[in-house]
PDB file of N, CA and C in Angstrom:
ATOM      1  N   UNK A   1      43.332  33.860  94.571  1.00  0.00           N
ATOM      2  CA  UNK A   1      42.481  34.026  93.390  1.00  0.00           C
ATOM      3  C   UNK A   1      42.563  32.750  92.540  1.00  0.00           C
ATOM      4  N   UNK A   2      41.423  32.337  92.024  1.00  0.00           N
ATOM      5  CA  UNK A   2      41.350  31.153  91.184  1.00  0.00           C
ATOM      6  C   UNK A   2      41.818  31.486  89.775  1.00  0.00           C
ATOM      7  N   UNK A   3      42.639  30.623  89.199  1.00  0.00           N
ATOM      8  CA  UNK A   3      43.166  30.864  87.862  1.00  0.00           C
ATOM      9  C   UNK A   3      42.516  29.934  86.849  1.00  0.00           C
ATOM     10  N   UNK A   4      42.150  30.510  85.705  1.00  0.00           N
ATOM     11  CA  UNK A   4      41.478  29.779  84.645  1.00  0.00           C
ATOM     12  C   UNK A   4      42.273  29.924  83.355  1.00  0.00           C
ATOM     13  N   UNK A   5      42.498  28.803  82.678  1.00  0.00           N
ATOM     14  CA  UNK A   5      43.048  28.841  81.323  1.00  0.00           C
ATOM     15  C   UNK A   5      41.860  28.788  80.383  1.00  0.00           C
ATOM     16  N   UNK A   6      41.675  29.850  79.607  1.00  0.00           N
ATOM     17  CA  UNK A   6      40.553  29.978  78.681  1.00  0.00           C
ATOM     18  C   UNK A   6      41.075  29.816  77.261  1.00  0.00           C
ATOM     19  N   UNK A   7      40.564  28.817  76.548  1.00  0.00           N
ATOM     20  CA  UNK A   7      41.040  28.511  75.195  1.00  0.00           C
ATOM     21  C   UNK A   7      39.877  28.671  74.220  1.00  0.00           C
ATOM     22  N   UNK A   8      40.026  29.613  73.294  1.00  0.00           N
ATOM     23  CA  UNK A   8      38.957  29.917  72.335  1.00  0.00           C
ATOM     24  C   UNK A   8      39.585  30.536  71.099  1.00  0.00           C
ATOM     25  N   UNK A   9      39.247  30.010  69.904  1.00  0.00           N
ATOM     26  CA  UNK A   9      39.845  30.533  68.676  1.00  0.00           C
ATOM     27  C   UNK A   9      39.100  31.733  68.104  1.00  0.00           C
ATOM     28  N   UNK A  10      37.897  32.014  68.574  1.00  0.00           N
ATOM     29  CA  UNK A  10      37.172  33.205  68.128  1.00  0.00           C
ATOM     30  C   UNK A  10      37.590  34.377  69.015  1.00  0.00           C
ATOM     31  N   UNK A  11      38.338  35.318  68.450  1.00  0.00           N
ATOM     32  CA  UNK A  11      38.949  36.407  69.225  1.00  0.00           C
ATOM     33  C   UNK A  11      37.931  37.213  70.034  1.00  0.00           C
ATOM     34  N   UNK A  12      36.797  37.560  69.422  1.00  0.00           N
ATOM     35  CA  UNK A  12      35.793  38.356  70.134  1.00  0.00           C
ATOM     36  C   UNK A  12      35.226  37.602  71.328  1.00  0.00           C
ATOM     37  N   UNK A  13      34.950  36.325  71.151  1.00  0.00           N
ATOM     38  CA  UNK A  13      34.412  35.508  72.234  1.00  0.00           C
ATOM     39  C   UNK A  13      35.457  35.310  73.329  1.00  0.00           C
ATOM     40  N   UNK A  14      36.699  35.098  72.937  1.00  0.00           N
ATOM     41  CA  UNK A  14      37.793  34.956  73.901  1.00  0.00           C
ATOM     42  C   UNK A  14      37.875  36.200  74.787  1.00  0.00           C
ATOM     43  N   UNK A  15      37.847  37.347  74.168  1.00  0.00           N
ATOM     44  CA  UNK A  15      37.937  38.608  74.899  1.00  0.00           C
ATOM     45  C   UNK A  15      36.728  38.821  75.812  1.00  0.00           C
ATOM     46  N   UNK A  16      35.548  38.570  75.289  1.00  0.00           N
ATOM     47  CA  UNK A  16      34.307  38.768  76.043  1.00  0.00           C
ATOM     48  C   UNK A  16      34.254  37.860  77.273  1.00  0.00           C
ATOM     49  N   UNK A  17      34.515  36.569  77.084  1.00  0.00           N
ATOM     50  CA  UNK A  17      34.440  35.617  78.195  1.00  0.00           C
ATOM     51  C   UNK A  17      35.555  35.891  79.203  1.00  0.00           C
ATOM     52  N   UNK A  18      36.733  36.213  78.721  1.00  0.00           N
ATOM     53  CA  UNK A  18      37.854  36.522  79.598  1.00  0.00           C
ATOM     54  C   UNK A  18      37.522  37.705  80.500  1.00  0.00           C
ATOM     55  N   UNK A  19      36.987  38.751  79.911  1.00  0.00           N
ATOM     56  CA  UNK A  19      36.610  39.948  80.674  1.00  0.00           C
ATOM     57  C   UNK A  19      35.519  39.625  81.695  1.00  0.00           C
ATOM     58  N   UNK A  20      34.544  38.829  81.287  1.00  0.00           N
ATOM     59  CA  UNK A  20      33.443  38.472  82.188  1.00  0.00           C
ATOM     60  C   UNK A  20      33.949  37.639  83.368  1.00  0.00           C
ATOM     61  N   UNK A  21      34.830  36.683  83.096  1.00  0.00           N
ATOM     62  CA  UNK A  21      35.362  35.861  84.182  1.00  0.00           C
ATOM     63  C   UNK A  21      36.216  36.697  85.132  1.00  0.00           C
ATOM     64  N   UNK A  22      36.993  37.613  84.585  1.00  0.00           N
ATOM     65  CA  UNK A  22      37.799  38.511  85.427  1.00  0.00           C
ATOM     66  C   UNK A  22      36.882  39.352  86.317  1.00  0.00           C
ATOM     67  N   UNK A  23      35.772  39.796  85.760  1.00  0.00           N
ATOM     68  CA  UNK A  23      34.789  40.586  86.516  1.00  0.00           C
ATOM     69  C   UNK A  23      34.229  39.768  87.690  1.00  0.00           C
ATOM     70  N   UNK A  24      34.137  38.450  87.522  1.00  0.00           N
ATOM     71  CA  UNK A  24      33.622  37.571  88.575  1.00  0.00           C
ATOM     72  C   UNK A  24      34.724  37.079  89.509  1.00  0.00           C
ATOM     73  N   UNK A  25      35.943  37.596  89.354  1.00  0.00           N
ATOM     74  CA  UNK A  25      36.998  37.312  90.314  1.00  0.00           C
ATOM     75  C   UNK A  25      38.043  36.298  89.916  1.00  0.00           C
ATOM     76  N   UNK A  26      37.995  35.812  88.682  1.00  0.00           N
ATOM     77  CA  UNK A  26      39.004  34.855  88.250  1.00  0.00           C
ATOM     78  C   UNK A  26      40.185  35.558  87.609  1.00  0.00           C
ATOM     79  N   UNK A  27      41.343  34.964  87.766  1.00  0.00           N
ATOM     80  CA  UNK A  27      42.546  35.395  87.062  1.00  0.00           C
ATOM     81  C   UNK A  27      42.595  34.545  85.790  1.00  0.00           C
ATOM     82  N   UNK A  28      42.444  35.172  84.628  1.00  0.00           N
ATOM     83  CA  UNK A  28      42.284  34.446  83.368  1.00  0.00           C
ATOM     84  C   UNK A  28      43.544  34.551  82.517  1.00  0.00           C
ATOM     85  N   UNK A  29      43.995  33.403  82.037  1.00  0.00           N
ATOM     86  CA  UNK A  29      45.059  33.344  81.042  1.00  0.00           C
ATOM     87  C   UNK A  29      44.412  32.888  79.744  1.00  0.00           C
ATOM     88  N   UNK A  30      44.639  33.626  78.674  1.00  0.00           N
ATOM     89  CA  UNK A  30      44.008  33.332  77.385  1.00  0.00           C
ATOM     90  C   UNK A  30      44.942  32.557  76.468  1.00  0.00           C
ATOM     91  N   UNK A  31      44.332  31.673  75.671  1.00  0.00           N
ATOM     92  CA  UNK A  31      45.052  30.965  74.604  1.00  0.00           C
ATOM     93  C   UNK A  31      44.107  30.899  73.415  1.00  0.00           C
ATOM     94  N   UNK A  32      44.608  31.241  72.238  1.00  0.00           N
ATOM     95  CA  UNK A  32      43.749  31.287  71.043  1.00  0.00           C
ATOM     96  C   UNK A  32      43.805  30.024  70.191  1.00  0.00           C
ATOM     97  N   UNK A  33      44.470  28.996  70.706  1.00  0.00           N
ATOM     98  CA  UNK A  33      44.511  27.708  70.000  1.00  0.00           C
ATOM     99  C   UNK A  33      44.881  26.612  70.984  1.00  0.00           C
ATOM    100  N   UNK A  34      44.625  25.384  70.585  1.00  0.00           N
ATOM    101  CA  UNK A  34      45.016  24.255  71.411  1.00  0.00           C
ATOM    102  C   UNK A  34      46.524  24.184  71.592  1.00  0.00           C
ATOM    103  N   UNK A  35      47.251  24.487  70.521  1.00  0.00           N
ATOM    104  CA  UNK A  35      48.713  24.473  70.582  1.00  0.00           C
ATOM    105  C   UNK A  35      49.226  25.488  71.605  1.00  0.00           C
ATOM    106  N   UNK A  36      48.678  26.716  71.574  1.00  0.00           N
ATOM    107  CA  UNK A  36      49.089  27.765  72.529  1.00  0.00           C
ATOM    108  C   UNK A  36      48.734  27.354  73.961  1.00  0.00           C
ATOM    109  N   UNK A  37      47.581  26.690  74.123  1.00  0.00           N
ATOM    110  CA  UNK A  37      47.174  26.238  75.449  1.00  0.00           C
ATOM    111  C   UNK A  37      48.181  25.236  76.005  1.00  0.00           C
ATOM    112  N   UNK A  38      48.609  24.294  75.176  1.00  0.00           N
ATOM    113  CA  UNK A  38      49.597  23.306  75.628  1.00  0.00           C
ATOM    114  C   UNK A  38      50.906  23.989  76.020  1.00  0.00           C
ATOM    115  N   UNK A  39      51.306  25.030  75.275  1.00  0.00           N
ATOM    116  CA  UNK A  39      52.513  25.791  75.623  1.00  0.00           C
ATOM    117  C   UNK A  39      52.362  26.418  77.005  1.00  0.00           C
ATOM    118  N   UNK A  40      51.195  27.010  77.266  1.00  0.00           N
ATOM    119  CA  UNK A  40      50.965  27.662  78.558  1.00  0.00           C
ATOM    120  C   UNK A  40      50.920  26.646  79.691  1.00  0.00           C
ATOM    121  N   UNK A  41      50.436  25.463  79.409  1.00  0.00           N
ATOM    122  CA  UNK A  41      50.396  24.407  80.427  1.00  0.00           C
ATOM    123  C   UNK A  41      51.792  23.913  80.778  1.00  0.00           C
ATOM    124  N   UNK A  42      52.728  24.019  79.837  1.00  0.00           N
ATOM    125  CA  UNK A  42      54.107  23.601  80.095  1.00  0.00           C
ATOM    126  C   UNK A  42      54.859  24.643  80.915  1.00  0.00           C
ATOM    127  N   UNK A  43      54.328  25.861  80.983  1.00  0.00           N
ATOM    128  CA  UNK A  43      54.976  26.935  81.729  1.00  0.00           C
ATOM    129  C   UNK A  43      54.797  26.765  83.227  1.00  0.00           C
ATOM    130  N   UNK A  44      55.132  27.804  83.960  1.00  0.00           N
ATOM    131  CA  UNK A  44      55.069  27.763  85.419  1.00  0.00           C
ATOM    132  C   UNK A  44      53.683  28.070  85.977  1.00  0.00           C
ATOM    133  N   UNK A  45      52.736  28.436  85.137  1.00  0.00           N
ATOM    134  CA  UNK A  45      51.409  28.796  85.617  1.00  0.00           C
ATOM    135  C   UNK A  45      50.683  27.566  86.155  1.00  0.00           C
ATOM    136  N   UNK A  46      50.130  27.713  87.326  1.00  0.00           N
ATOM    137  CA  UNK A  46      49.317  26.641  87.917  1.00  0.00           C
ATOM    138  C   UNK A  46      47.857  27.067  87.775  1.00  0.00           C
ATOM    139  N   UNK A  47      47.107  26.335  86.982  1.00  0.00           N
ATOM    140  CA  UNK A  47      45.711  26.677  86.742  1.00  0.00           C
ATOM    141  C   UNK A  47      44.797  25.846  87.631  1.00  0.00           C
ATOM    142  N   UNK A  48      43.688  26.456  88.033  1.00  0.00           N
ATOM    143  CA  UNK A  48      42.680  25.769  88.831  1.00  0.00           C
ATOM    144  C   UNK A  48      41.583  25.181  87.963  1.00  0.00           C
ATOM    145  N   UNK A  49      41.415  25.751  86.760  1.00  0.00           N
ATOM    146  CA  UNK A  49      40.347  25.287  85.866  1.00  0.00           C
ATOM    147  C   UNK A  49      40.743  25.526  84.417  1.00  0.00           C
ATOM    148  N   UNK A  50      40.136  24.723  83.539  1.00  0.00           N
ATOM    149  CA  UNK A  50      40.312  24.856  82.100  1.00  0.00           C
ATOM    150  C   UNK A  50      38.937  25.021  81.468  1.00  0.00           C
ATOM    151  N   UNK A  51      38.794  26.045  80.636  1.00  0.00           N
ATOM    152  CA  UNK A  51      37.590  26.225  79.820  1.00  0.00           C
ATOM    153  C   UNK A  51      38.082  26.271  78.387  1.00  0.00           C
ATOM    154  N   UNK A  52      37.657  25.318  77.565  1.00  0.00           N
ATOM    155  CA  UNK A  52      38.163  25.266  76.197  1.00  0.00           C
ATOM    156  C   UNK A  52      37.080  24.906  75.197  1.00  0.00           C
ATOM    157  N   UNK A  53      37.153  25.574  74.054  1.00  0.00           N
ATOM    158  CA  UNK A  53      36.338  25.195  72.911  1.00  0.00           C
ATOM    159  C   UNK A  53      36.872  23.843  72.433  1.00  0.00           C
ATOM    160  N   UNK A  54      35.994  23.007  71.910  1.00  0.00           N
ATOM    161  CA  UNK A  54      36.450  21.699  71.422  1.00  0.00           C
ATOM    162  C   UNK A  54      37.062  21.824  70.029  1.00  0.00           C
ATOM    163  N   UNK A  55      36.310  22.400  69.096  1.00  0.00           N
ATOM    164  CA  UNK A  55      36.747  22.466  67.698  1.00  0.00           C
ATOM    165  C   UNK A  55      37.571  23.727  67.459  1.00  0.00           C
ATOM    166  N   UNK A  56      38.849  23.514  67.135  1.00  0.00           N
ATOM    167  CA  UNK A  56      39.741  24.636  66.862  1.00  0.00           C
ATOM    168  C   UNK A  56      40.595  24.309  65.653  1.00  0.00           C
ATOM    169  N   UNK A  57      41.075  25.337  64.969  1.00  0.00           N
ATOM    170  CA  UNK A  57      41.949  25.077  63.822  1.00  0.00           C
ATOM    171  C   UNK A  57      43.267  24.453  64.277  1.00  0.00           C
ATOM    172  N   UNK A  58      43.904  23.751  63.379  1.00  0.00           N
ATOM    173  CA  UNK A  58      45.174  23.110  63.710  1.00  0.00           C
ATOM    174  C   UNK A  58      44.937  21.686  64.153  1.00  0.00           C
ATOM    175  N   UNK A  59      45.972  21.072  64.665  1.00  0.00           N
ATOM    176  CA  UNK A  59      45.890  19.657  64.988  1.00  0.00           C
ATOM    177  C   UNK A  59      45.716  19.369  66.473  1.00  0.00           C
ATOM    178  N   UNK A  60      45.418  20.396  67.292  1.00  0.00           N
ATOM    179  CA  UNK A  60      45.207  20.203  68.728  1.00  0.00           C
ATOM    180  C   UNK A  60      43.807  20.704  69.084  1.00  0.00           C
ATOM    181  N   UNK A  61      42.937  19.765  69.442  1.00  0.00           N
ATOM    182  CA  UNK A  61      41.557  20.124  69.797  1.00  0.00           C
ATOM    183  C   UNK A  61      41.448  20.425  71.291  1.00  0.00           C
ATOM    184  N   UNK A  62      40.308  20.924  71.680  1.00  0.00           N
ATOM    185  CA  UNK A  62      40.042  21.147  73.092  1.00  0.00           C
ATOM    186  C   UNK A  62      40.051  19.845  73.878  1.00  0.00           C
ATOM    187  N   UNK A  63      39.639  18.758  73.242  1.00  0.00           N
ATOM    188  CA  UNK A  63      39.685  17.456  73.905  1.00  0.00           C
ATOM    189  C   UNK A  63      41.137  17.055  74.165  1.00  0.00           C
ATOM    190  N   UNK A  64      42.029  17.333  73.206  1.00  0.00           N
ATOM    191  CA  UNK A  64      43.459  17.055  73.405  1.00  0.00           C
ATOM    192  C   UNK A  64      44.003  17.842  74.597  1.00  0.00           C
ATOM    193  N   UNK A  65      43.617  19.123  74.679  1.00  0.00           N
ATOM    194  CA  UNK A  65      44.066  19.979  75.786  1.00  0.00           C
ATOM    195  C   UNK A  65      43.518  19.436  77.110  1.00  0.00           C
ATOM    196  N   UNK A  66      42.227  19.078  77.122  1.00  0.00           N
ATOM    197  CA  UNK A  66      41.610  18.542  78.340  1.00  0.00           C
ATOM    198  C   UNK A  66      42.305  17.269  78.794  1.00  0.00           C
ATOM    199  N   UNK A  67      42.611  16.376  77.867  1.00  0.00           N
ATOM    200  CA  UNK A  67      43.307  15.132  78.220  1.00  0.00           C
ATOM    201  C   UNK A  67      44.681  15.414  78.811  1.00  0.00           C
ATOM    202  N   UNK A  68      45.400  16.388  78.233  1.00  0.00           N
ATOM    203  CA  UNK A  68      46.729  16.752  78.744  1.00  0.00           C
ATOM    204  C   UNK A  68      46.623  17.299  80.168  1.00  0.00           C
ATOM    205  N   UNK A  69      45.616  18.122  80.415  1.00  0.00           N
ATOM    206  CA  UNK A  69      45.414  18.700  81.747  1.00  0.00           C
ATOM    207  C   UNK A  69      45.071  17.607  82.749  1.00  0.00           C
ATOM    208  N   UNK A  70      44.126  16.760  82.387  1.00  0.00           N
ATOM    209  CA  UNK A  70      43.643  15.746  83.324  1.00  0.00           C
ATOM    210  C   UNK A  70      44.669  14.647  83.583  1.00  0.00           C
ATOM    211  N   UNK A  71      45.600  14.483  82.661  1.00  0.00           N
ATOM    212  CA  UNK A  71      46.686  13.529  82.877  1.00  0.00           C
ATOM    213  C   UNK A  71      47.581  14.004  84.016  1.00  0.00           C
ATOM    214  N   UNK A  72      47.807  15.316  84.065  1.00  0.00           N
ATOM    215  CA  UNK A  72      48.667  15.905  85.090  1.00  0.00           C
ATOM    216  C   UNK A  72      47.918  16.171  86.389  1.00  0.00           C
ATOM    217  N   UNK A  73      46.659  16.612  86.263  1.00  0.00           N
ATOM    218  CA  UNK A  73      45.854  16.966  87.437  1.00  0.00           C
ATOM    219  C   UNK A  73      44.449  16.396  87.281  1.00  0.00           C
ATOM    220  N   UNK A  74      44.258  15.128  87.642  1.00  0.00           N
ATOM    221  CA  UNK A  74      42.984  14.450  87.404  1.00  0.00           C
ATOM    222  C   UNK A  74      41.765  15.128  88.028  1.00  0.00           C
ATOM    223  N   UNK A  75      41.937  15.876  89.092  1.00  0.00           N
ATOM    224  CA  UNK A  75      40.799  16.500  89.761  1.00  0.00           C
ATOM    225  C   UNK A  75      40.488  17.908  89.294  1.00  0.00           C
ATOM    226  N   UNK A  76      41.225  18.404  88.329  1.00  0.00           N
ATOM    227  CA  UNK A  76      41.029  19.791  87.892  1.00  0.00           C
ATOM    228  C   UNK A  76      39.672  19.960  87.206  1.00  0.00           C
ATOM    229  N   UNK A  77      39.044  21.101  87.411  1.00  0.00           N
ATOM    230  CA  UNK A  77      37.762  21.432  86.766  1.00  0.00           C
ATOM    231  C   UNK A  77      38.029  21.675  85.287  1.00  0.00           C
ATOM    232  N   UNK A  78      37.361  20.913  84.417  1.00  0.00           N
ATOM    233  CA  UNK A  78      37.524  21.051  82.968  1.00  0.00           C
ATOM    234  C   UNK A  78      36.141  21.222  82.348  1.00  0.00           C
ATOM    235  N   UNK A  79      35.977  22.317  81.598  1.00  0.00           N
ATOM    236  CA  UNK A  79      34.723  22.591  80.907  1.00  0.00           C
ATOM    237  C   UNK A  79      35.019  22.737  79.421  1.00  0.00           C
ATOM    238  N   UNK A  80      34.383  21.883  78.634  1.00  0.00           N
ATOM    239  CA  UNK A  80      34.523  21.914  77.180  1.00  0.00           C
ATOM    240  C   UNK A  80      33.279  22.573  76.595  1.00  0.00           C
ATOM    241  N   UNK A  81      33.475  23.434  75.602  1.00  0.00           N
ATOM    242  CA  UNK A  81      32.356  24.138  74.978  1.00  0.00           C
ATOM    243  C   UNK A  81      32.346  23.885  73.477  1.00  0.00           C
ATOM    244  N   UNK A  82      31.151  23.955  72.889  1.00  0.00           N
ATOM    245  CA  UNK A  82      31.044  23.837  71.433  1.00  0.00           C
ATOM    246  C   UNK A  82      29.649  24.225  70.988  1.00  0.00           C
ATOM    247  N   UNK A  83      29.587  24.734  69.785  1.00  0.00           N
ATOM    248  CA  UNK A  83      28.310  25.004  69.145  1.00  0.00           C
ATOM    249  C   UNK A  83      27.833  23.811  68.341  1.00  0.00           C
ATOM    250  N   UNK A  84      28.655  22.772  68.271  1.00  0.00           N
ATOM    251  CA  UNK A  84      28.317  21.546  67.546  1.00  0.00           C
ATOM    252  C   UNK A  84      27.788  20.505  68.530  1.00  0.00           C
ATOM    253  N   UNK A  85      26.963  19.584  68.048  1.00  0.00           N
ATOM    254  CA  UNK A  85      26.478  18.530  68.944  1.00  0.00           C
ATOM    255  C   UNK A  85      27.617  17.615  69.397  1.00  0.00           C
ATOM    256  N   UNK A  86      27.466  17.084  70.594  1.00  0.00           N
ATOM    257  CA  UNK A  86      28.492  16.175  71.135  1.00  0.00           C
ATOM    258  C   UNK A  86      28.728  14.972  70.247  1.00  0.00           C
ATOM    259  N   UNK A  87      27.706  14.563  69.493  1.00  0.00           N
ATOM    260  CA  UNK A  87      27.843  13.396  68.618  1.00  0.00           C
ATOM    261  C   UNK A  87      28.883  13.609  67.515  1.00  0.00           C
ATOM    262  N   UNK A  88      29.289  14.862  67.272  1.00  0.00           N
ATOM    263  CA  UNK A  88      30.308  15.167  66.266  1.00  0.00           C
ATOM    264  C   UNK A  88      31.729  14.887  66.760  1.00  0.00           C
ATOM    265  N   UNK A  89      31.889  14.600  68.052  1.00  0.00           N
ATOM    266  CA  UNK A  89      33.212  14.495  68.645  1.00  0.00           C
ATOM    267  C   UNK A  89      33.431  13.118  69.260  1.00  0.00           C
ATOM    268  N   UNK A  90      34.712  12.766  69.464  1.00  0.00           N
ATOM    269  CA  UNK A  90      34.990  11.546  70.225  1.00  0.00           C
ATOM    270  C   UNK A  90      34.504  11.744  71.666  1.00  0.00           C
ATOM    271  N   UNK A  91      34.457  10.686  72.446  1.00  0.00           N
ATOM    272  CA  UNK A  91      34.002  10.827  73.833  1.00  0.00           C
ATOM    273  C   UNK A  91      34.831  11.851  74.602  1.00  0.00           C
ATOM    274  N   UNK A  92      34.155  12.591  75.463  1.00  0.00           N
ATOM    275  CA  UNK A  92      34.843  13.575  76.299  1.00  0.00           C
ATOM    276  C   UNK A  92      35.588  12.857  77.414  1.00  0.00           C
ATOM    277  N   UNK A  93      36.654  13.484  77.915  1.00  0.00           N
ATOM    278  CA  UNK A  93      37.372  12.875  79.035  1.00  0.00           C
ATOM    279  C   UNK A  93      36.436  12.703  80.237  1.00  0.00           C
ATOM    280  N   UNK A  94      36.712  11.680  81.024  1.00  0.00           N
ATOM    281  CA  UNK A  94      35.953  11.454  82.248  1.00  0.00           C
ATOM    282  C   UNK A  94      36.054  12.687  83.138  1.00  0.00           C
ATOM    283  N   UNK A  95      34.971  13.058  83.748  1.00  0.00           N
ATOM    284  CA  UNK A  95      34.875  14.201  84.675  1.00  0.00           C
ATOM    285  C   UNK A  95      34.853  15.560  83.977  1.00  0.00           C
ATOM    286  N   UNK A  96      35.026  15.619  82.679  1.00  0.00           N
ATOM    287  CA  UNK A  96      34.920  16.902  81.978  1.00  0.00           C
ATOM    288  C   UNK A  96      33.439  17.252  81.825  1.00  0.00           C
ATOM    289  N   UNK A  97      33.142  18.531  81.939  1.00  0.00           N
ATOM    290  CA  UNK A  97      31.779  19.017  81.770  1.00  0.00           C
ATOM    291  C   UNK A  97      31.628  19.598  80.375  1.00  0.00           C
ATOM    292  N   UNK A  98      30.410  19.596  79.849  1.00  0.00           N
ATOM    293  CA  UNK A  98      30.153  20.155  78.526  1.00  0.00           C
ATOM    294  C   UNK A  98      29.160  21.306  78.645  1.00  0.00           C
ATOM    295  N   UNK A  99      29.469  22.410  77.959  1.00  0.00           N
ATOM    296  CA  UNK A  99      28.596  23.578  77.918  1.00  0.00           C
ATOM    297  C   UNK A  99      28.366  23.935  76.461  1.00  0.00           C
ATOM    298  N   UNK A 100      27.120  23.853  76.044  1.00  0.00           N
ATOM    299  CA  UNK A 100      26.768  24.112  74.651  1.00  0.00           C
ATOM    300  C   UNK A 100      26.768  25.605  74.346  1.00  0.00           C
ATOM    301  N   UNK A 101      27.353  25.978  73.198  1.00  0.00           N
ATOM    302  CA  UNK A 101      27.322  27.368  72.729  1.00  0.00           C
ATOM    303  C   UNK A 101      26.038  27.590  71.942  1.00  0.00           C
ATOM    304  N   UNK A 102      25.472  28.742  71.977  1.00  0.00           N
ATOM    305  CA  UNK A 102      25.874  29.884  72.811  1.00  0.00           C
ATOM    306  C   UNK A 102      25.442  29.648  74.256  1.00  0.00           C
ATOM    307  N   UNK A 103      26.276  30.070  75.172  1.00  0.00           N
ATOM    308  CA  UNK A 103      25.959  29.942  76.592  1.00  0.00           C
ATOM    309  C   UNK A 103      25.970  31.316  77.233  1.00  0.00           C
ATOM    310  N   UNK A 104      25.373  31.393  78.388  1.00  0.00           N
ATOM    311  CA  UNK A 104      25.398  32.626  79.171  1.00  0.00           C
ATOM    312  C   UNK A 104      26.589  32.558  80.127  1.00  0.00           C
ATOM    313  N   UNK A 105      27.202  33.702  80.362  1.00  0.00           N
ATOM    314  CA  UNK A 105      28.345  33.749  81.277  1.00  0.00           C
ATOM    315  C   UNK A 105      27.931  33.186  82.634  1.00  0.00           C
ATOM    316  N   UNK A 106      26.706  33.463  83.045  1.00  0.00           N
ATOM    317  CA  UNK A 106      26.205  32.961  84.330  1.00  0.00           C
ATOM    318  C   UNK A 106      26.301  31.432  84.385  1.00  0.00           C
ATOM    319  N   UNK A 107      25.987  30.756  83.280  1.00  0.00           N
ATOM    320  CA  UNK A 107      26.086  29.296  83.240  1.00  0.00           C
ATOM    321  C   UNK A 107      27.521  28.840  83.444  1.00  0.00           C
ATOM    322  N   UNK A 108      28.451  29.511  82.772  1.00  0.00           N
ATOM    323  CA  UNK A 108      29.866  29.160  82.892  1.00  0.00           C
ATOM    324  C   UNK A 108      30.352  29.403  84.321  1.00  0.00           C
ATOM    325  N   UNK A 109      29.989  30.525  84.884  1.00  0.00           N
ATOM    326  CA  UNK A 109      30.388  30.853  86.252  1.00  0.00           C
ATOM    327  C   UNK A 109      29.865  29.807  87.224  1.00  0.00           C
ATOM    328  N   UNK A 110      28.617  29.396  87.055  1.00  0.00           N
ATOM    329  CA  UNK A 110      28.044  28.379  87.948  1.00  0.00           C
ATOM    330  C   UNK A 110      28.802  27.052  87.835  1.00  0.00           C
ATOM    331  N   UNK A 111      29.177  26.660  86.613  1.00  0.00           N
ATOM    332  CA  UNK A 111      29.947  25.424  86.447  1.00  0.00           C
ATOM    333  C   UNK A 111      31.325  25.532  87.082  1.00  0.00           C
ATOM    334  N   UNK A 112      31.947  26.693  86.964  1.00  0.00           N
ATOM    335  CA  UNK A 112      33.265  26.884  87.561  1.00  0.00           C
ATOM    336  C   UNK A 112      33.197  26.865  89.083  1.00  0.00           C
ATOM    337  N   UNK A 113      32.092  27.308  89.629  1.00  0.00           N
ATOM    338  CA  UNK A 113      31.964  27.386  91.102  1.00  0.00           C
ATOM    339  C   UNK A 113      31.485  26.087  91.724  1.00  0.00           C
ATOM    340  N   UNK A 114      30.962  25.154  90.931  1.00  0.00           N
ATOM    341  CA  UNK A 114      30.492  23.878  91.484  1.00  0.00           C
ATOM    342  C   UNK A 114      31.627  23.125  92.148  1.00  0.00           C
ATOM    343  N   UNK A 115      31.284  22.406  93.212  1.00  0.00           N
ATOM    344  CA  UNK A 115      32.314  21.599  93.896  1.00  0.00           C
ATOM    345  C   UNK A 115      32.279  20.180  93.463  1.00  0.00           C
TER     346      UNK A 115
END
């Protein structure tokens, strides 16, 4: 089973997307902040993909989480999401994909399944 680390600070959206991804066959680990995501990445869990909101409260953004993941596993699937335009953020990590909010679960699933 493919494992996904899902990082989202909006509790309802975190729950909804997590449930939808599980329904499509992914094993989902949730994190409600960038800081919590980094903690989970330090653990024993081996993730196949990262889906993270970019803008989150605190001092760890989704871009920070993506950079940490890609430093350890350069080929890992990384999808960054936001309801804000990309121009509001620093450049995304190389090979990271961007999905604008609001998105359909089908769009996210298709990005996760791409080779």
